[in-house]
Amino acid sequence: MGVAAILDPRYTLKIMVYSFPRLYSNVEDVKAEIGTHKSFMYELFKHYQENFDENANNHVDSTSNNKNTGSGLFDDYSSYVAEDNTLGSTKELDHYLEEKVCPPEMDLDILAWWKTNGVKYPMLQRIARDILAIPITTVASESCFSTSGRLVIPHRSRLHPDTLEALMCAQSWLSSETRATCSKESEAYCQMIDYDYNDDNQETY
């Protein structure tokens, strides 16, 4: 969550500088928490940078091997650029954290923002693409557990695990097929049928 907040251009690290003093009464705890998140962000950035540099160097080596040997003026330019980018690897993150944040009330599509600003922050864009794509909700897994709770009840508690898994999968597949055939106008009706089926299933046993 801390990395996701930092990657939100409306908040970055400033949201922690603002909110942590209100959450922690001890000033040392505030500094420690902010330092932890900041250090982790820099370590994550360096990890991505090292992987990118390794892939880039492999690409440069393979390209160089395919070329004829010569004594041209720009033969080693690719290696020079790769080394120079490595030396200033954290400048991109420094600049992002020091830049002015977007207005907090702005209705912002974060992934679209990173897509637009990828030229300015190429490495951070890669991190944002991986981190922000992770679903933040656990509704799907909780729904599966609640389904099992409806199938395994005191009067039907000796089902074989394979049978229970088959019932849960079958119900999920049938529900998905039903929702796939529903139009937008009838989606609410399909959901009502699904809920009625679950309620009836629970009352029957």
N, C-alpha and C. Protein backbone atom coordinates (compact mmCIF):
# COMPACT_ATOMS: atom_id res chain seq x y z
N MET A 1 0.83 -1.21 0.00
CA MET A 1 0.00 0.00 0.00
C MET A 1 0.86 1.25 0.00
N GLY A 2 1.98 1.21 0.72
CA GLY A 2 2.85 2.38 0.75
C GLY A 2 3.42 2.70 -0.60
N VAL A 3 3.85 1.67 -1.35
CA VAL A 3 4.40 1.88 -2.69
C VAL A 3 3.32 2.41 -3.63
N ALA A 4 2.11 1.86 -3.51
CA ALA A 4 1.00 2.32 -4.35
C ALA A 4 0.69 3.79 -4.08
N ALA A 5 0.74 4.20 -2.82
CA ALA A 5 0.49 5.60 -2.49
C ALA A 5 1.58 6.51 -3.05
N ILE A 6 2.84 6.05 -2.98
CA ILE A 6 3.94 6.84 -3.52
C ILE A 6 3.82 6.97 -5.03
N LEU A 7 3.33 5.93 -5.69
CA LEU A 7 3.18 5.95 -7.15
C LEU A 7 1.96 6.71 -7.60
N ASP A 8 1.14 7.19 -6.67
CA ASP A 8 0.01 8.04 -7.02
C ASP A 8 0.50 9.48 -7.07
N PRO A 9 0.50 10.11 -8.24
CA PRO A 9 1.06 11.47 -8.36
C PRO A 9 0.29 12.53 -7.57
N ARG A 10 -0.85 12.17 -7.01
CA ARG A 10 -1.58 13.10 -6.14
C ARG A 10 -1.05 13.08 -4.72
N TYR A 11 -0.28 12.05 -4.36
CA TYR A 11 0.15 11.88 -2.98
C TYR A 11 1.67 11.77 -2.85
N THR A 12 2.29 10.82 -3.57
CA THR A 12 3.71 10.50 -3.48
C THR A 12 4.10 10.31 -2.00
N LEU A 13 5.28 10.75 -1.64
CA LEU A 13 5.73 10.61 -0.25
C LEU A 13 5.14 11.69 0.65
N LYS A 14 4.57 12.71 0.04
CA LYS A 14 4.04 13.84 0.82
C LYS A 14 2.83 13.44 1.66
N ILE A 15 2.07 12.44 1.22
CA ILE A 15 0.91 12.01 2.00
C ILE A 15 1.36 11.41 3.32
N MET A 16 2.51 10.77 3.33
CA MET A 16 3.04 10.19 4.56
C MET A 16 3.59 11.27 5.48
N VAL A 17 4.29 12.25 4.89
CA VAL A 17 4.81 13.36 5.69
C VAL A 17 3.67 14.13 6.34
N TYR A 18 2.52 14.16 5.66
CA TYR A 18 1.36 14.88 6.20
C TYR A 18 0.59 14.05 7.23
N SER A 19 0.38 12.79 6.94
CA SER A 19 -0.54 11.99 7.77
C SER A 19 0.13 11.28 8.95
N PHE A 20 1.39 10.88 8.81
CA PHE A 20 2.02 10.11 9.87
C PHE A 20 2.13 10.87 11.19
N PRO A 21 2.43 12.18 11.19
CA PRO A 21 2.43 12.89 12.48
C PRO A 21 1.08 12.89 13.17
N ARG A 22 -0.01 12.67 12.40
CA ARG A 22 -1.34 12.60 12.98
C ARG A 22 -1.67 11.19 13.46
N LEU A 23 -0.91 10.21 12.96
CA LEU A 23 -1.14 8.83 13.36
C LEU A 23 -0.24 8.38 14.50
N TYR A 24 0.96 8.96 14.57
CA TYR A 24 1.93 8.57 15.59
C TYR A 24 2.24 9.78 16.47
N SER A 25 2.21 9.57 17.77
CA SER A 25 2.49 10.66 18.70
C SER A 25 3.98 10.90 18.88
N ASN A 26 4.77 9.85 18.66
CA ASN A 26 6.22 9.95 18.83
C ASN A 26 6.86 10.42 17.52
N VAL A 27 7.65 11.47 17.59
CA VAL A 27 8.30 12.01 16.39
C VAL A 27 9.27 11.01 15.79
N GLU A 28 9.95 10.24 16.63
CA GLU A 28 10.91 9.25 16.15
C GLU A 28 10.20 8.15 15.36
N ASP A 29 9.00 7.78 15.81
CA ASP A 29 8.23 6.77 15.08
C ASP A 29 7.83 7.30 13.70
N VAL A 30 7.49 8.57 13.64
CA VAL A 30 7.12 9.18 12.35
C VAL A 30 8.30 9.12 11.39
N LYS A 31 9.47 9.53 11.87
CA LYS A 31 10.66 9.52 11.02
C LYS A 31 11.02 8.10 10.59
N ALA A 32 10.85 7.16 11.50
CA ALA A 32 11.19 5.77 11.20
C ALA A 32 10.26 5.20 10.13
N GLU A 33 8.96 5.48 10.25
CA GLU A 33 8.00 4.96 9.28
C GLU A 33 8.22 5.57 7.89
N ILE A 34 8.42 6.87 7.86
CA ILE A 34 8.67 7.54 6.57
C ILE A 34 9.98 7.02 5.96
N GLY A 35 11.02 6.87 6.81
CA GLY A 35 12.29 6.35 6.32
C GLY A 35 12.18 4.94 5.78
N THR A 36 11.36 4.12 6.44
CA THR A 36 11.16 2.73 5.98
C THR A 36 10.55 2.69 4.60
N HIS A 37 9.48 3.46 4.39
CA HIS A 37 8.81 3.48 3.09
C HIS A 37 9.71 4.06 2.01
N LYS A 38 10.44 5.11 2.35
CA LYS A 38 11.33 5.73 1.38
C LYS A 38 12.47 4.79 0.99
N SER A 39 13.06 4.13 1.99
CA SER A 39 14.15 3.19 1.71
C SER A 39 13.67 2.02 0.86
N PHE A 40 12.48 1.52 1.17
CA PHE A 40 11.95 0.40 0.38
C PHE A 40 11.71 0.82 -1.06
N MET A 41 11.23 2.06 -1.26
CA MET A 41 10.99 2.54 -2.62
C MET A 41 12.30 2.65 -3.40
N TYR A 42 13.34 3.11 -2.75
CA TYR A 42 14.64 3.21 -3.43
C TYR A 42 15.22 1.84 -3.73
N GLU A 43 15.04 0.90 -2.81
CA GLU A 43 15.53 -0.46 -3.05
C GLU A 43 14.77 -1.11 -4.21
N LEU A 44 13.47 -0.89 -4.25
CA LEU A 44 12.67 -1.43 -5.34
C LEU A 44 13.09 -0.81 -6.67
N PHE A 45 13.33 0.49 -6.66
CA PHE A 45 13.76 1.18 -7.87
C PHE A 45 15.11 0.62 -8.36
N LYS A 46 16.06 0.44 -7.45
CA LYS A 46 17.37 -0.08 -7.82
C LYS A 46 17.27 -1.51 -8.34
N HIS A 47 16.36 -2.29 -7.76
CA HIS A 47 16.16 -3.67 -8.23
C HIS A 47 15.69 -3.66 -9.68
N TYR A 48 14.72 -2.82 -9.99
CA TYR A 48 14.23 -2.73 -11.37
C TYR A 48 15.33 -2.21 -12.28
N GLN A 49 16.11 -1.24 -11.80
CA GLN A 49 17.17 -0.66 -12.61
C GLN A 49 18.24 -1.69 -12.93
N GLU A 50 18.61 -2.50 -11.95
CA GLU A 50 19.63 -3.52 -12.17
C GLU A 50 19.16 -4.56 -13.17
N ASN A 51 17.91 -4.99 -13.07
CA ASN A 51 17.38 -5.96 -14.03
C ASN A 51 17.34 -5.37 -15.43
N PHE A 52 16.94 -4.10 -15.52
CA PHE A 52 16.87 -3.44 -16.83
C PHE A 52 18.27 -3.28 -17.42
N ASP A 53 19.25 -2.89 -16.59
CA ASP A 53 20.61 -2.70 -17.08
C ASP A 53 21.21 -4.03 -17.54
N GLU A 54 20.89 -5.10 -16.81
CA GLU A 54 21.41 -6.41 -17.19
C GLU A 54 20.87 -6.83 -18.55
N ASN A 55 19.57 -6.62 -18.76
CA ASN A 55 18.96 -6.96 -20.05
C ASN A 55 19.51 -6.08 -21.16
N ALA A 56 19.71 -4.79 -20.84
CA ALA A 56 20.23 -3.87 -21.84
C ALA A 56 21.66 -4.24 -22.23
N ASN A 57 22.48 -4.61 -21.24
CA ASN A 57 23.86 -4.99 -21.53
C ASN A 57 23.93 -6.26 -22.36
N ASN A 58 23.03 -7.19 -22.07
CA ASN A 58 23.00 -8.42 -22.87
C ASN A 58 22.62 -8.12 -24.31
N HIS A 59 21.70 -7.16 -24.46
CA HIS A 59 21.29 -6.77 -25.81
C HIS A 59 22.43 -6.07 -26.53
N VAL A 60 23.17 -5.22 -25.82
CA VAL A 60 24.31 -4.51 -26.42
C VAL A 60 25.39 -5.49 -26.83
N ASP A 61 25.66 -6.49 -25.97
CA ASP A 61 26.69 -7.48 -26.28
C ASP A 61 26.32 -8.30 -27.50
N SER A 62 25.04 -8.71 -27.56
CA SER A 62 24.62 -9.51 -28.70
C SER A 62 24.65 -8.70 -29.98
N THR A 63 24.31 -7.41 -29.89
CA THR A 63 24.35 -6.54 -31.06
C THR A 63 25.77 -6.31 -31.52
N SER A 64 26.69 -6.13 -30.55
CA SER A 64 28.09 -5.90 -30.89
C SER A 64 28.70 -7.12 -31.55
N ASN A 65 28.32 -8.30 -31.10
CA ASN A 65 28.87 -9.53 -31.67
C ASN A 65 28.41 -9.74 -33.11
N ASN A 66 27.24 -9.19 -33.42
CA ASN A 66 26.72 -9.35 -34.77
C ASN A 66 27.33 -8.37 -35.76
N LYS A 67 28.01 -7.33 -35.24
CA LYS A 67 28.61 -6.32 -36.10
C LYS A 67 30.05 -6.70 -36.43
N ASN A 68 30.52 -6.19 -37.53
CA ASN A 68 31.91 -6.40 -37.89
C ASN A 68 32.80 -5.54 -37.00
N THR A 69 33.95 -6.09 -36.62
CA THR A 69 34.88 -5.33 -35.79
C THR A 69 35.46 -4.19 -36.58
N GLY A 70 35.62 -3.03 -35.92
CA GLY A 70 36.17 -1.87 -36.59
C GLY A 70 36.69 -0.89 -35.57
N SER A 71 37.20 0.19 -36.02
CA SER A 71 37.76 1.21 -35.13
C SER A 71 36.99 2.50 -35.28
N GLY A 72 35.65 2.39 -35.36
CA GLY A 72 34.83 3.57 -35.54
C GLY A 72 34.80 4.42 -34.27
N LEU A 73 34.45 5.69 -34.46
CA LEU A 73 34.45 6.64 -33.34
C LEU A 73 33.37 6.31 -32.32
N PHE A 74 32.23 5.76 -32.77
CA PHE A 74 31.08 5.54 -31.89
C PHE A 74 30.84 4.05 -31.59
N ASP A 75 31.89 3.25 -31.70
CA ASP A 75 31.72 1.81 -31.48
C ASP A 75 31.30 1.50 -30.05
N ASP A 76 31.83 2.25 -29.07
CA ASP A 76 31.55 1.98 -27.65
C ASP A 76 30.51 2.92 -27.07
N TYR A 77 29.77 3.61 -27.92
CA TYR A 77 28.81 4.59 -27.40
C TYR A 77 27.70 3.93 -26.61
N SER A 78 27.21 2.78 -27.05
CA SER A 78 26.13 2.09 -26.35
C SER A 78 26.55 1.70 -24.94
N SER A 79 27.77 1.21 -24.80
CA SER A 79 28.28 0.85 -23.47
C SER A 79 28.43 2.08 -22.59
N TYR A 80 28.87 3.19 -23.20
CA TYR A 80 29.02 4.43 -22.44
C TYR A 80 27.67 4.92 -21.91
N VAL A 81 26.64 4.88 -22.73
CA VAL A 81 25.31 5.33 -22.33
C VAL A 81 24.77 4.44 -21.22
N ALA A 82 24.95 3.12 -21.35
CA ALA A 82 24.46 2.20 -20.32
C ALA A 82 25.14 2.45 -18.98
N GLU A 83 26.45 2.71 -19.00
CA GLU A 83 27.18 3.00 -17.76
C GLU A 83 26.75 4.33 -17.16
N ASP A 84 26.54 5.33 -18.01
CA ASP A 84 26.12 6.64 -17.52
C ASP A 84 24.73 6.60 -16.91
N ASN A 85 23.84 5.81 -17.50
CA ASN A 85 22.48 5.68 -16.96
C ASN A 85 22.51 4.99 -15.61
N THR A 86 23.42 4.04 -15.43
CA THR A 86 23.52 3.34 -14.15
C THR A 86 24.02 4.26 -13.04
N LEU A 87 24.96 5.13 -13.37
CA LEU A 87 25.51 6.04 -12.37
C LEU A 87 24.46 7.01 -11.85
N GLY A 88 23.55 7.43 -12.72
CA GLY A 88 22.52 8.38 -12.30
C GLY A 88 21.16 7.73 -12.18
N SER A 89 21.14 6.47 -11.70
CA SER A 89 19.91 5.68 -11.73
C SER A 89 18.81 6.24 -10.82
N THR A 90 19.19 6.80 -9.66
CA THR A 90 18.17 7.25 -8.72
C THR A 90 17.71 8.68 -8.97
N LYS A 91 18.30 9.36 -9.95
CA LYS A 91 17.90 10.74 -10.21
C LYS A 91 16.44 10.81 -10.65
N GLU A 92 15.99 9.80 -11.35
CA GLU A 92 14.60 9.77 -11.80
C GLU A 92 13.64 9.74 -10.61
N LEU A 93 13.93 8.88 -9.63
CA LEU A 93 13.09 8.79 -8.44
C LEU A 93 13.20 10.06 -7.60
N ASP A 94 14.40 10.61 -7.50
CA ASP A 94 14.59 11.87 -6.76
C ASP A 94 13.73 12.98 -7.35
N HIS A 95 13.76 13.07 -8.66
CA HIS A 95 13.00 14.13 -9.34
C HIS A 95 11.50 13.94 -9.14
N TYR A 96 11.04 12.69 -9.21
CA TYR A 96 9.61 12.41 -9.03
C TYR A 96 9.14 12.78 -7.63
N LEU A 97 9.94 12.42 -6.62
CA LEU A 97 9.55 12.71 -5.24
C LEU A 97 9.62 14.20 -4.90
N GLU A 98 10.46 14.94 -5.62
CA GLU A 98 10.59 16.37 -5.36
C GLU A 98 9.61 17.21 -6.19
N GLU A 99 9.02 16.60 -7.18
CA GLU A 99 8.11 17.34 -8.06
C GLU A 99 6.80 17.66 -7.33
N LYS A 100 6.14 18.73 -7.77
CA LYS A 100 4.85 19.10 -7.19
C LYS A 100 3.82 18.02 -7.48
N VAL A 101 2.99 17.75 -6.48
CA VAL A 101 1.96 16.72 -6.64
C VAL A 101 0.76 17.28 -7.38
N CYS A 102 -0.03 16.39 -7.96
CA CYS A 102 -1.28 16.80 -8.60
C CYS A 102 -2.30 17.14 -7.51
N PRO A 103 -3.30 17.94 -7.82
CA PRO A 103 -4.33 18.27 -6.82
C PRO A 103 -5.01 17.01 -6.30
N PRO A 104 -5.12 16.84 -4.99
CA PRO A 104 -5.70 15.61 -4.43
C PRO A 104 -7.13 15.35 -4.88
N GLU A 105 -7.89 16.43 -5.17
CA GLU A 105 -9.28 16.25 -5.57
C GLU A 105 -9.43 15.90 -7.04
N MET A 106 -8.33 15.83 -7.77
CA MET A 106 -8.38 15.54 -9.20
C MET A 106 -8.86 14.11 -9.43
N ASP A 107 -9.80 13.95 -10.36
CA ASP A 107 -10.28 12.62 -10.75
C ASP A 107 -9.27 12.07 -11.76
N LEU A 108 -8.34 11.25 -11.26
CA LEU A 108 -7.17 10.87 -12.04
C LEU A 108 -7.16 9.38 -12.32
N ASP A 109 -6.95 9.03 -13.58
CA ASP A 109 -6.69 7.65 -13.96
C ASP A 109 -5.18 7.43 -13.84
N ILE A 110 -4.75 6.77 -12.77
CA ILE A 110 -3.33 6.68 -12.46
C ILE A 110 -2.56 5.92 -13.54
N LEU A 111 -3.13 4.82 -14.03
CA LEU A 111 -2.44 4.06 -15.06
C LEU A 111 -2.30 4.87 -16.34
N ALA A 112 -3.32 5.65 -16.68
CA ALA A 112 -3.23 6.52 -17.86
C ALA A 112 -2.18 7.61 -17.65
N TRP A 113 -2.08 8.12 -16.41
CA TRP A 113 -1.07 9.14 -16.11
C TRP A 113 0.33 8.58 -16.30
N TRP A 114 0.56 7.37 -15.82
CA TRP A 114 1.88 6.77 -15.98
C TRP A 114 2.17 6.42 -17.42
N LYS A 115 1.16 6.07 -18.16
CA LYS A 115 1.36 5.80 -19.59
C LYS A 115 1.79 7.07 -20.31
N THR A 116 1.20 8.20 -19.92
CA THR A 116 1.55 9.48 -20.55
C THR A 116 2.93 9.95 -20.12
N ASN A 117 3.29 9.73 -18.87
CA ASN A 117 4.55 10.24 -18.33
C ASN A 117 5.68 9.20 -18.34
N GLY A 118 5.49 8.15 -19.11
CA GLY A 118 6.52 7.12 -19.20
C GLY A 118 7.83 7.60 -19.79
N VAL A 119 7.75 8.58 -20.68
CA VAL A 119 8.98 9.12 -21.27
C VAL A 119 9.79 9.87 -20.22
N LYS A 120 9.09 10.52 -19.31
CA LYS A 120 9.75 11.30 -18.26
C LYS A 120 10.26 10.41 -17.14
N TYR A 121 9.49 9.37 -16.80
CA TYR A 121 9.86 8.45 -15.72
C TYR A 121 9.77 7.01 -16.23
N PRO A 122 10.70 6.59 -17.08
CA PRO A 122 10.57 5.25 -17.68
C PRO A 122 10.65 4.10 -16.69
N MET A 123 11.58 4.21 -15.71
CA MET A 123 11.73 3.10 -14.77
C MET A 123 10.56 3.06 -13.78
N LEU A 124 10.12 4.22 -13.33
CA LEU A 124 8.96 4.28 -12.44
C LEU A 124 7.70 3.80 -13.15
N GLN A 125 7.63 4.02 -14.44
CA GLN A 125 6.48 3.53 -15.20
C GLN A 125 6.42 2.00 -15.16
N ARG A 126 7.59 1.36 -15.26
CA ARG A 126 7.63 -0.10 -15.18
C ARG A 126 7.17 -0.59 -13.81
N ILE A 127 7.61 0.10 -12.76
CA ILE A 127 7.19 -0.28 -11.41
C ILE A 127 5.69 -0.08 -11.24
N ALA A 128 5.19 1.07 -11.71
CA ALA A 128 3.75 1.36 -11.58
C ALA A 128 2.92 0.35 -12.35
N ARG A 129 3.42 -0.06 -13.50
CA ARG A 129 2.69 -1.04 -14.31
C ARG A 129 2.54 -2.36 -13.58
N ASP A 130 3.57 -2.75 -12.81
CA ASP A 130 3.52 -4.02 -12.08
C ASP A 130 2.75 -3.90 -10.77
N ILE A 131 2.99 -2.82 -10.03
CA ILE A 131 2.41 -2.67 -8.70
C ILE A 131 0.93 -2.31 -8.78
N LEU A 132 0.58 -1.33 -9.58
CA LEU A 132 -0.79 -0.83 -9.61
C LEU A 132 -1.74 -1.77 -10.33
N ALA A 133 -1.21 -2.76 -11.02
CA ALA A 133 -2.07 -3.73 -11.69
C ALA A 133 -2.54 -4.83 -10.74
N ILE A 134 -1.98 -4.89 -9.53
CA ILE A 134 -2.38 -5.91 -8.55
C ILE A 134 -3.75 -5.56 -7.98
N PRO A 135 -4.72 -6.47 -8.04
CA PRO A 135 -6.05 -6.18 -7.49
C PRO A 135 -5.97 -5.91 -5.99
N ILE A 136 -6.63 -4.87 -5.55
CA ILE A 136 -6.57 -4.51 -4.14
C ILE A 136 -7.69 -5.15 -3.34
N THR A 137 -8.64 -5.76 -4.02
CA THR A 137 -9.78 -6.36 -3.33
C THR A 137 -9.64 -7.86 -3.26
N THR A 138 -10.25 -8.47 -2.27
CA THR A 138 -10.25 -9.92 -2.12
C THR A 138 -11.67 -10.48 -2.26
N VAL A 139 -12.51 -9.77 -3.00
CA VAL A 139 -13.91 -10.17 -3.11
C VAL A 139 -14.03 -11.55 -3.74
N ALA A 140 -13.23 -11.82 -4.75
CA ALA A 140 -13.35 -13.09 -5.46
C ALA A 140 -13.07 -14.27 -4.54
N SER A 141 -11.97 -14.20 -3.77
CA SER A 141 -11.64 -15.31 -2.87
C SER A 141 -12.65 -15.42 -1.74
N GLU A 142 -13.10 -14.29 -1.21
CA GLU A 142 -14.10 -14.33 -0.15
C GLU A 142 -15.40 -14.93 -0.65
N SER A 143 -15.72 -14.64 -1.91
CA SER A 143 -16.93 -15.20 -2.49
C SER A 143 -16.85 -16.72 -2.57
N CYS A 144 -15.67 -17.24 -2.91
CA CYS A 144 -15.50 -18.70 -2.96
C CYS A 144 -15.69 -19.33 -1.59
N PHE A 145 -15.12 -18.68 -0.56
CA PHE A 145 -15.26 -19.22 0.79
C PHE A 145 -16.71 -19.17 1.25
N SER A 146 -17.42 -18.10 0.92
CA SER A 146 -18.83 -18.02 1.32
C SER A 146 -19.66 -19.06 0.59
N THR A 147 -19.25 -19.38 -0.66
CA THR A 147 -19.94 -20.44 -1.39
C THR A 147 -19.76 -21.79 -0.70
N SER A 148 -18.52 -22.06 -0.27
CA SER A 148 -18.29 -23.32 0.43
C SER A 148 -19.09 -23.37 1.72
N GLY A 149 -19.28 -22.22 2.37
CA GLY A 149 -20.07 -22.19 3.59
C GLY A 149 -21.52 -22.52 3.35
N ARG A 150 -22.01 -22.23 2.13
CA ARG A 150 -23.39 -22.56 1.80
C ARG A 150 -23.55 -24.03 1.42
N LEU A 151 -22.46 -24.63 0.95
CA LEU A 151 -22.53 -26.03 0.54
C LEU A 151 -22.30 -26.97 1.72
N VAL A 152 -21.39 -26.61 2.59
CA VAL A 152 -21.09 -27.44 3.76
C VAL A 152 -21.83 -26.87 4.96
N ILE A 153 -22.90 -27.54 5.34
CA ILE A 153 -23.74 -27.10 6.45
C ILE A 153 -23.92 -28.28 7.40
N PRO A 154 -24.44 -28.05 8.60
CA PRO A 154 -24.54 -29.15 9.58
C PRO A 154 -25.22 -30.39 9.04
N HIS A 155 -26.23 -30.23 8.16
CA HIS A 155 -26.96 -31.41 7.65
C HIS A 155 -26.28 -32.01 6.42
N ARG A 156 -25.21 -31.37 5.95
CA ARG A 156 -24.49 -31.90 4.79
C ARG A 156 -23.01 -31.58 4.98
N SER A 157 -22.42 -32.26 5.94
CA SER A 157 -21.05 -31.92 6.32
C SER A 157 -20.05 -33.04 6.04
N ARG A 158 -20.47 -34.08 5.31
CA ARG A 158 -19.56 -35.20 5.08
C ARG A 158 -19.25 -35.35 3.59
N LEU A 159 -19.33 -34.26 2.87
CA LEU A 159 -18.99 -34.30 1.45
C LEU A 159 -17.49 -34.54 1.28
N HIS A 160 -17.15 -35.36 0.30
CA HIS A 160 -15.74 -35.58 -0.01
C HIS A 160 -15.14 -34.29 -0.57
N PRO A 161 -13.90 -33.96 -0.25
CA PRO A 161 -13.30 -32.72 -0.75
C PRO A 161 -13.38 -32.58 -2.27
N ASP A 162 -13.22 -33.70 -3.01
CA ASP A 162 -13.32 -33.64 -4.47
C ASP A 162 -14.73 -33.28 -4.91
N THR A 163 -15.73 -33.83 -4.20
CA THR A 163 -17.12 -33.51 -4.53
C THR A 163 -17.42 -32.05 -4.24
N LEU A 164 -16.94 -31.55 -3.11
CA LEU A 164 -17.15 -30.15 -2.76
C LEU A 164 -16.49 -29.23 -3.78
N GLU A 165 -15.28 -29.57 -4.20
CA GLU A 165 -14.59 -28.75 -5.20
C GLU A 165 -15.35 -28.75 -6.51
N ALA A 166 -15.88 -29.92 -6.91
CA ALA A 166 -16.64 -30.01 -8.15
C ALA A 166 -17.91 -29.15 -8.09
N LEU A 167 -18.60 -29.18 -6.94
CA LEU A 167 -19.82 -28.38 -6.78
C LEU A 167 -19.51 -26.89 -6.86
N MET A 168 -18.44 -26.48 -6.20
CA MET A 168 -18.08 -25.06 -6.20
C MET A 168 -17.69 -24.59 -7.60
N CYS A 169 -16.90 -25.42 -8.29
CA CYS A 169 -16.48 -25.05 -9.64
C CYS A 169 -17.68 -25.01 -10.60
N ALA A 170 -18.55 -26.01 -10.48
CA ALA A 170 -19.71 -26.06 -11.36
C ALA A 170 -20.60 -24.84 -11.16
N GLN A 171 -20.84 -24.47 -9.90
CA GLN A 171 -21.67 -23.30 -9.63
C GLN A 171 -21.03 -22.03 -10.18
N SER A 172 -19.70 -21.92 -10.03
CA SER A 172 -19.01 -20.74 -10.53
C SER A 172 -19.09 -20.67 -12.05
N TRP A 173 -18.88 -21.82 -12.73
CA TRP A 173 -18.92 -21.83 -14.19
C TRP A 173 -20.32 -21.52 -14.71
N LEU A 174 -21.33 -22.12 -14.08
CA LEU A 174 -22.70 -21.88 -14.52
C LEU A 174 -23.09 -20.42 -14.31
N SER A 175 -22.67 -19.86 -13.17
CA SER A 175 -22.98 -18.45 -12.91
C SER A 175 -22.28 -17.55 -13.92
N SER A 176 -21.05 -17.88 -14.28
CA SER A 176 -20.32 -17.08 -15.26
C SER A 176 -21.00 -17.13 -16.62
N GLU A 177 -21.45 -18.33 -17.01
CA GLU A 177 -22.14 -18.46 -18.29
C GLU A 177 -23.44 -17.67 -18.29
N THR A 178 -24.13 -17.69 -17.16
CA THR A 178 -25.39 -16.96 -17.07
C THR A 178 -25.16 -15.46 -17.19
N ARG A 179 -24.14 -14.97 -16.47
CA ARG A 179 -23.84 -13.53 -16.54
C ARG A 179 -23.34 -13.12 -17.92
N ALA A 180 -22.64 -14.04 -18.61
CA ALA A 180 -22.12 -13.72 -19.94
C ALA A 180 -23.23 -13.54 -20.96
N THR A 181 -24.35 -14.25 -20.77
CA THR A 181 -25.46 -14.15 -21.71
C THR A 181 -26.43 -13.04 -21.35
N CYS A 182 -26.23 -12.39 -20.20
CA CYS A 182 -27.12 -11.32 -19.78
C CYS A 182 -26.72 -10.01 -20.44
N SER A 183 -27.69 -9.29 -20.91
CA SER A 183 -27.44 -7.95 -21.42
C SER A 183 -27.37 -6.98 -20.25
N LYS A 184 -27.00 -5.75 -20.53
CA LYS A 184 -26.92 -4.75 -19.47
C LYS A 184 -28.28 -4.50 -18.84
N GLU A 185 -29.32 -4.59 -19.65
CA GLU A 185 -30.66 -4.35 -19.14
C GLU A 185 -31.12 -5.45 -18.20
N SER A 186 -30.68 -6.70 -18.46
CA SER A 186 -31.15 -7.83 -17.67
C SER A 186 -30.12 -8.29 -16.65
N GLU A 187 -29.02 -7.54 -16.51
CA GLU A 187 -27.95 -7.96 -15.59
C GLU A 187 -28.46 -8.01 -14.15
N ALA A 188 -29.24 -7.02 -13.75
CA ALA A 188 -29.77 -6.99 -12.39
C ALA A 188 -30.68 -8.20 -12.14
N TYR A 189 -31.47 -8.58 -13.16
CA TYR A 189 -32.36 -9.72 -13.03
C TYR A 189 -31.56 -11.02 -12.89
N CYS A 190 -30.46 -11.12 -13.66
CA CYS A 190 -29.62 -12.31 -13.56
C CYS A 190 -28.98 -12.42 -12.19
N GLN A 191 -28.55 -11.30 -11.65
CA GLN A 191 -27.97 -11.31 -10.32
C GLN A 191 -29.01 -11.71 -9.28
N MET A 192 -30.25 -11.25 -9.47
CA MET A 192 -31.31 -11.60 -8.54
C MET A 192 -31.57 -13.11 -8.57
N ILE A 193 -31.52 -13.70 -9.77
CA ILE A 193 -31.70 -15.15 -9.88
C ILE A 193 -30.58 -15.88 -9.17
N ASP A 194 -29.38 -15.37 -9.32
CA ASP A 194 -28.23 -15.99 -8.67
C ASP A 194 -28.37 -15.95 -7.16
N TYR A 195 -28.79 -14.81 -6.62
CA TYR A 195 -28.98 -14.68 -5.18
C TYR A 195 -30.13 -15.56 -4.70
N ASP A 196 -31.22 -15.62 -5.48
CA ASP A 196 -32.35 -16.47 -5.10
C ASP A 196 -31.93 -17.93 -5.06
N TYR A 197 -31.07 -18.31 -6.02
CA TYR A 197 -30.60 -19.70 -6.03
C TYR A 197 -29.79 -20.00 -4.77
N ASN A 198 -28.94 -19.08 -4.39
CA ASN A 198 -28.13 -19.29 -3.18
C ASN A 198 -28.99 -19.35 -1.93
N ASP A 199 -29.99 -18.45 -1.86
CA ASP A 199 -30.87 -18.45 -0.69
C ASP A 199 -31.68 -19.73 -0.61
N ASP A 200 -32.20 -20.17 -1.76
CA ASP A 200 -33.00 -21.40 -1.77
C ASP A 200 -32.13 -22.60 -1.40
N ASN A 201 -30.90 -22.58 -1.90
CA ASN A 201 -29.99 -23.67 -1.62
C ASN A 201 -29.70 -23.77 -0.13
N GLN A 202 -29.63 -22.59 0.54
CA GLN A 202 -29.32 -22.58 1.96
C GLN A 202 -30.54 -22.98 2.78
N GLU A 203 -31.73 -22.60 2.33
CA GLU A 203 -32.94 -22.93 3.09
C GLU A 203 -33.33 -24.38 2.94
N THR A 204 -32.96 -24.99 1.80
CA THR A 204 -33.37 -26.37 1.55
C THR A 204 -32.76 -27.33 2.55
N TYR A 205 -31.51 -26.97 2.93
CA TYR A 205 -30.82 -27.88 3.86
C TYR A 205 -30.86 -27.32 5.26
